[in-house]
Protein backbone atom coordinates (compact mmCIF):
# COMPACT_ATOMS: atom_id res chain seq x y z
CA MET A 1 -21.80 4.29 -1.56
CA ASN A 2 -19.71 1.89 -3.67
CA ILE A 3 -16.01 1.94 -2.83
CA LEU A 4 -13.23 0.12 -4.66
CA VAL A 5 -10.14 -0.63 -2.60
CA PHE A 6 -6.93 -1.75 -4.27
CA ALA A 7 -4.92 -4.11 -2.11
CA LYS A 8 -1.52 -5.66 -2.74
CA ARG A 9 0.13 -8.88 -1.58
CA VAL A 10 3.66 -8.09 -0.39
CA ALA A 11 6.57 -9.95 1.14
CA ALA A 12 6.75 -9.65 4.94
CA ALA A 13 10.47 -8.99 4.75
CA GLN A 14 11.03 -6.82 7.83
CA GLU A 15 12.50 -9.67 9.87
CA GLU A 16 13.94 -11.61 6.93
CA GLU A 17 17.43 -11.57 5.45
CA LEU A 18 16.86 -11.16 1.73
CA ARG A 19 19.21 -12.75 -0.82
CA ILE A 20 19.97 -11.12 -4.16
CA VAL A 21 20.27 -13.75 -6.89
CA ASN A 22 21.11 -14.06 -10.59
CA ASP A 23 23.85 -11.41 -10.52
CA GLY A 24 21.54 -8.76 -9.15
CA GLN A 25 18.61 -9.52 -11.44
CA GLY A 26 16.27 -10.69 -8.71
CA VAL A 27 15.57 -11.30 -5.01
CA ASP A 28 14.94 -14.77 -3.62
CA LEU A 29 11.53 -14.70 -1.92
CA ALA A 30 10.96 -18.47 -1.91
CA LYS A 31 11.07 -18.77 1.89
CA VAL A 32 9.70 -15.33 2.75
CA PRO A 33 6.11 -15.13 4.10
CA PHE A 34 3.61 -12.85 2.36
CA LYS A 35 0.77 -10.69 3.67
CA MET A 36 -1.54 -7.82 2.76
CA ASN A 37 0.25 -4.50 2.38
CA ASP A 38 -0.08 -2.70 5.71
CA TRP A 39 -1.39 0.61 4.31
CA ASP A 40 -4.06 -1.29 2.36
CA ASN A 41 -5.35 -2.76 5.62
CA TYR A 42 -6.23 0.76 6.75
CA ALA A 43 -7.82 1.58 3.39
CA ILE A 44 -10.10 -1.47 3.53
CA GLU A 45 -11.04 -0.84 7.16
CA GLU A 46 -11.94 2.78 6.41
CA ALA A 47 -14.04 1.80 3.38
CA VAL A 48 -15.91 -0.86 5.38
CA ARG A 49 -16.64 1.60 8.20
CA ILE A 50 -18.05 4.13 5.73
CA VAL A 51 -20.29 1.55 4.06
CA GLU A 52 -21.50 0.31 7.45
CA LYS A 53 -22.73 3.86 8.13
CA THR A 54 -23.98 4.93 4.70
CA GLY A 55 -24.86 1.66 2.98
CA GLY A 56 -23.42 0.37 -0.27
CA ALA A 57 -20.61 -2.09 -0.86
CA VAL A 58 -16.84 -2.43 -0.73
CA THR A 59 -15.07 -4.34 -3.49
CA ALA A 60 -11.42 -5.33 -3.03
CA VAL A 61 -9.25 -5.50 -6.15
CA SER A 62 -5.75 -6.95 -6.41
CA ILE A 63 -3.22 -7.42 -9.20
CA GLY A 64 -1.03 -10.50 -8.93
CA ASP A 65 -0.80 -14.25 -9.26
CA ALA A 66 -3.29 -16.79 -7.91
CA GLU A 67 -1.82 -16.48 -4.41
CA SER A 68 -2.99 -12.85 -4.28
CA ASP A 69 -6.41 -14.36 -3.63
CA ASP A 70 -5.28 -14.46 0.01
CA VAL A 71 -5.49 -10.66 0.05
CA LEU A 72 -9.02 -10.71 -1.36
CA ARG A 73 -10.19 -13.30 1.17
CA ARG A 74 -8.80 -11.21 4.01
CA ALA A 75 -10.53 -8.10 2.66
CA ILE A 76 -13.84 -9.98 2.45
CA ALA A 77 -13.35 -11.27 5.98
CA MET A 78 -12.93 -7.62 7.05
CA GLY A 79 -16.26 -6.68 5.47
CA ALA A 80 -15.79 -6.28 1.71
CA LYS A 81 -18.67 -7.65 -0.35
CA ASP A 82 -16.56 -9.32 -3.03
CA GLY A 83 -13.12 -9.40 -4.63
CA PHE A 84 -11.65 -9.03 -8.11
CA LEU A 85 -8.27 -10.53 -9.03
CA ILE A 86 -6.50 -9.14 -12.10
CA GLU A 87 -4.32 -12.18 -12.58
CA THR A 88 -0.78 -12.13 -13.91
CA SER A 89 2.32 -14.23 -13.33
CA GLU A 90 4.67 -11.28 -13.80
CA THR A 91 5.78 -8.98 -10.99
CA ILE A 92 4.85 -5.37 -11.72
CA HIS A 93 7.33 -2.87 -10.31
CA ASP A 94 6.40 0.17 -12.40
CA PRO A 95 3.56 2.16 -10.75
CA ASN A 96 2.64 3.61 -14.13
CA GLU A 97 2.10 0.11 -15.51
CA ARG A 98 -0.02 -0.82 -12.50
CA ALA A 99 -2.15 2.30 -12.83
CA SER A 100 -2.49 1.73 -16.60
CA VAL A 101 -3.83 -1.79 -16.04
CA ILE A 102 -6.27 -0.64 -13.35
CA SER A 103 -7.54 2.22 -15.50
CA ASP A 104 -8.08 -0.05 -18.49
CA PHE A 105 -9.79 -2.63 -16.28
CA LEU A 106 -12.24 -0.11 -14.83
CA LYS A 107 -13.15 1.24 -18.25
CA LYS A 108 -13.56 -2.13 -19.99
CA GLU A 109 -15.52 -3.77 -17.19
CA SER A 110 -17.62 -0.63 -16.56
CA THR A 111 -17.07 -1.14 -12.85
CA PRO A 112 -19.31 1.28 -10.88
CA PHE A 113 -17.79 3.24 -8.00
CA ASP A 114 -18.24 6.41 -6.00
CA ALA A 115 -14.69 6.41 -4.65
CA ILE A 116 -11.42 4.52 -5.04
CA PHE A 117 -9.18 3.94 -2.02
CA THR A 118 -5.53 2.91 -2.14
CA GLY A 119 -2.96 2.69 0.60
CA VAL A 120 -0.50 5.59 0.65
CA GLN A 121 2.27 3.27 -0.51
CA SER A 122 3.27 -0.37 -0.67
CA GLU A 123 5.82 -1.92 1.63
CA ASP A 124 7.89 -3.46 -1.16
CA ASP A 125 8.51 -0.79 -3.82
CA GLN A 126 7.39 2.32 -1.84
CA PHE A 127 6.77 4.49 -4.91
CA ALA A 128 3.62 5.93 -3.27
CA SER A 129 2.28 7.02 -6.66
CA VAL A 130 -0.28 4.53 -8.03
CA GLY A 131 -3.23 6.48 -6.61
CA GLY A 132 -2.13 9.75 -8.17
CA ILE A 133 -1.32 8.25 -11.57
CA LEU A 134 -4.63 6.37 -11.61
CA ALA A 135 -6.59 9.54 -10.79
CA ALA A 136 -4.83 11.38 -13.62
CA ARG A 137 -5.63 8.59 -16.10
CA LEU A 138 -9.29 8.57 -15.05
CA GLY A 139 -9.53 12.36 -14.87
CA LEU A 140 -10.70 12.27 -11.24
CA PRO A 141 -9.96 14.46 -8.18
CA TYR A 142 -7.21 13.04 -5.99
CA ALA A 143 -5.86 13.53 -2.48
CA SER A 144 -3.07 11.70 -0.66
CA MET A 145 -2.09 11.18 2.99
CA ILE A 146 -5.73 10.99 4.12
CA ILE A 147 -5.91 10.72 7.92
CA GLY A 148 -9.64 11.26 8.36
CA ILE A 149 -12.88 11.16 6.38
CA ASP A 150 -15.64 13.28 7.88
CA SER A 151 -18.56 12.86 5.50
CA PHE A 152 -19.90 11.75 2.13
CA GLU A 153 -22.80 14.01 1.19
CA ASN A 154 -24.19 16.12 -1.66
CA GLY A 155 -21.86 14.46 -4.13
CA GLN A 156 -18.75 15.43 -2.16
CA VAL A 157 -16.38 13.91 0.37
CA THR A 158 -14.91 15.96 3.20
CA ALA A 159 -11.54 14.64 4.33
CA ARG A 160 -8.48 15.57 6.35
CA ARG A 161 -4.93 15.05 5.14
CA GLU A 162 -1.49 15.17 6.70
CA LEU A 163 1.02 17.81 5.60
CA GLU A 164 4.67 18.50 6.40
CA GLY A 165 5.62 20.13 9.69
CA GLY A 166 2.71 18.66 11.62
CA LEU A 167 0.13 20.68 9.68
CA ARG A 168 -3.22 19.23 8.60
CA GLU A 169 -5.55 20.22 5.80
CA ARG A 170 -9.34 19.82 5.56
CA ILE A 171 -10.59 19.52 1.97
CA LYS A 172 -13.66 18.72 -0.10
CA LEU A 173 -13.50 16.62 -3.26
CA THR A 174 -16.19 16.03 -5.83
CA LEU A 175 -17.24 12.41 -6.28
CA PRO A 176 -16.12 10.13 -7.79
CA CYS A 177 -12.55 10.58 -6.56
CA VAL A 178 -9.39 8.71 -5.62
CA LEU A 179 -8.01 8.83 -2.05
CA SER A 180 -4.73 7.42 -0.74
CA ILE A 181 -5.24 6.36 2.88
CA GLN A 182 -2.56 6.91 5.51
CA SER A 183 -1.86 4.46 8.32
CA GLY A 184 -3.30 5.47 11.70
CA ILE A 185 -6.60 6.69 10.24
CA ASN A 186 -8.26 3.84 12.15
CA GLU A 187 -7.54 0.57 13.91
CA PRO A 188 -8.00 -2.31 11.43
CA ARG A 189 -10.22 -5.01 12.87
CA TYR A 190 -8.88 -8.40 13.91
CA VAL A 191 -9.48 -11.10 11.31
CA SER A 192 -9.45 -14.71 12.46
CA ILE A 193 -8.29 -17.67 10.38
CA MET A 194 -11.86 -18.97 10.54
CA GLY A 195 -13.10 -15.66 9.14
CA VAL A 196 -10.67 -15.88 6.21
CA ARG A 197 -11.81 -19.47 5.53
CA LYS A 198 -15.45 -18.41 5.51
CA ALA A 199 -14.56 -15.59 3.13
CA SER A 200 -13.18 -18.16 0.67
CA LYS A 201 -16.79 -19.22 0.02
CA VAL A 202 -17.70 -15.72 -1.20
CA ASP A 203 -17.54 -15.33 -4.97
CA ARG A 204 -14.30 -13.78 -6.22
CA LYS A 205 -13.88 -12.99 -9.90
CA ILE A 206 -10.68 -13.52 -11.88
CA PHE A 207 -9.72 -11.37 -14.88
CA PRO A 208 -6.60 -12.05 -17.04
CA MET A 209 -4.32 -9.00 -16.99
CA ASN A 210 -3.54 -9.46 -20.70
CA ASN A 211 -7.03 -8.09 -21.43
CA TYR A 212 -6.20 -4.73 -19.87
CA GLN A 213 -3.02 -3.51 -21.49
CA GLU A 214 -4.30 -1.32 -24.32
CA ASN A 215 -2.88 1.82 -22.74
CA PHE A 216 0.08 -0.04 -21.30
CA SER A 217 3.34 1.87 -20.94
CA ASN A 218 6.29 0.77 -18.85
CA MET A 219 8.43 3.73 -17.82
CA ILE A 220 10.64 2.14 -15.16
CA GLU A 221 13.09 -0.71 -15.69
CA ILE A 222 14.92 -2.40 -12.83
CA ILE A 223 18.58 -2.60 -13.80
CA LYS A 224 20.04 -4.32 -10.78
CA TRP A 225 19.40 -5.13 -7.12
CA VAL A 226 22.27 -4.26 -4.75
CA TYR A 227 22.93 -4.40 -1.03
CA PRO A 228 23.38 -1.08 0.85
CA GLU A 229 26.98 -0.05 1.43
CA LYS A 230 28.27 -1.18 4.79
CA LYS A 231 29.02 1.66 7.16
CA ALA A 232 31.67 1.75 9.87
CA GLY A 233 30.75 -0.13 13.01
CA ALA A 234 30.29 1.33 16.47
CA THR A 235 33.28 2.30 18.59
CA MET A 236 33.43 0.06 21.67
CA LEU A 237 34.83 1.69 24.80
CA THR A 238 36.35 -0.51 27.48
CA GLY A 239 38.15 -0.03 30.77
CA GLU A 240 37.35 1.77 34.01
CA LEU A 241 34.10 3.79 34.13
CA SER A 242 35.96 7.06 34.78
CA ASN A 243 38.15 6.52 31.70
CA ILE A 244 35.13 5.58 29.58
CA CYS A 245 33.38 8.81 30.61
CA LYS A 246 36.47 10.83 29.63
CA ASP A 247 36.62 9.05 26.29
CA VAL A 248 32.92 9.76 25.63
CA LEU A 249 33.42 13.46 26.40
CA GLY A 250 36.46 13.53 24.12
CA ILE A 251 34.46 12.00 21.24
CA LEU A 252 31.60 14.46 21.78
CA LYS A 253 34.00 17.42 21.71
CA GLU A 254 35.77 16.04 18.66
CA ASN A 255 32.49 15.89 16.76
CA GLY A 256 31.34 19.33 17.92
CA VAL A 257 28.47 18.01 20.05
CA CYS A 258 29.70 19.86 23.11
CA GLN A 259 32.41 22.36 23.95
C-alpha cells in the first residue's frame, strides 16, 4: 500500500496578534512561528498506521519554500519513508492552483500511489477544498471528513465519514482514491526534536514548482486583508449583589430570554 500525504506548513497564529501591512496587501508573519498544519498531522499518522499493518510506504509531499522541509522532516520522523518538496517562493492561496500543481506533478513524475490523503482543511486559508479539486482533476473517487478507515482489501477502501447532525456514513471507494482526513481519527504520535534531526538524514527530493504549471489556472485573487469589525463590549454591572441580580433579570427579560 503506497500512500501519498500532502502536508502544509502554516503559521501558528492562534496566540499571535497579526499585523496587516502594505495597505491591506499582506500580513506580517516575520515573527510568527510556523508548524505542520494540524489536520495534516492526523492524515500522516493514519497513513503510517495503515502501512505498519499492510506494508508499503508513506510519502509526504509539501508545496512551499525551502523552510517547508521542516514539515517533511516531521512527517518522516512520524514514519513516512521519504518526502517530496515542490518548491516555490510564492504563497499559494488559491486551492485550485494548489490542486493544479499537485495534479501536474503526479502526472509528470509518474508517482505511484494507491491512495492520497489530505487534511480536511488548512489552518490558514480554511478553504477545505484541495482534496476534492485534486480528485476531480485526476478522475478519482473522493470522500471528505473521514473519521475512520476500516480496511484496504480487494482493491477497495472501507471508511467512515462524519455528516451533519451527528450522523455517520460507512462507504466503500475503489482504489486509487483521495481521502480528506478529519481530526480526531487517531492520536498523532509524539515526535521528539532528536527524531526530527534524524529524519533530516533521510533523502528528500526537491522539485521546482515552475515545472508543474501546464494546467495552471488561478481562480481566486486576494483583494485586501482587513480586521474584523469591532463589536460592542460587555456590560459591566456594579453595586450590591441584590441590585446586580435585579439588573441581570431585567436584561434577560429585555432580550426575551425569560419572562
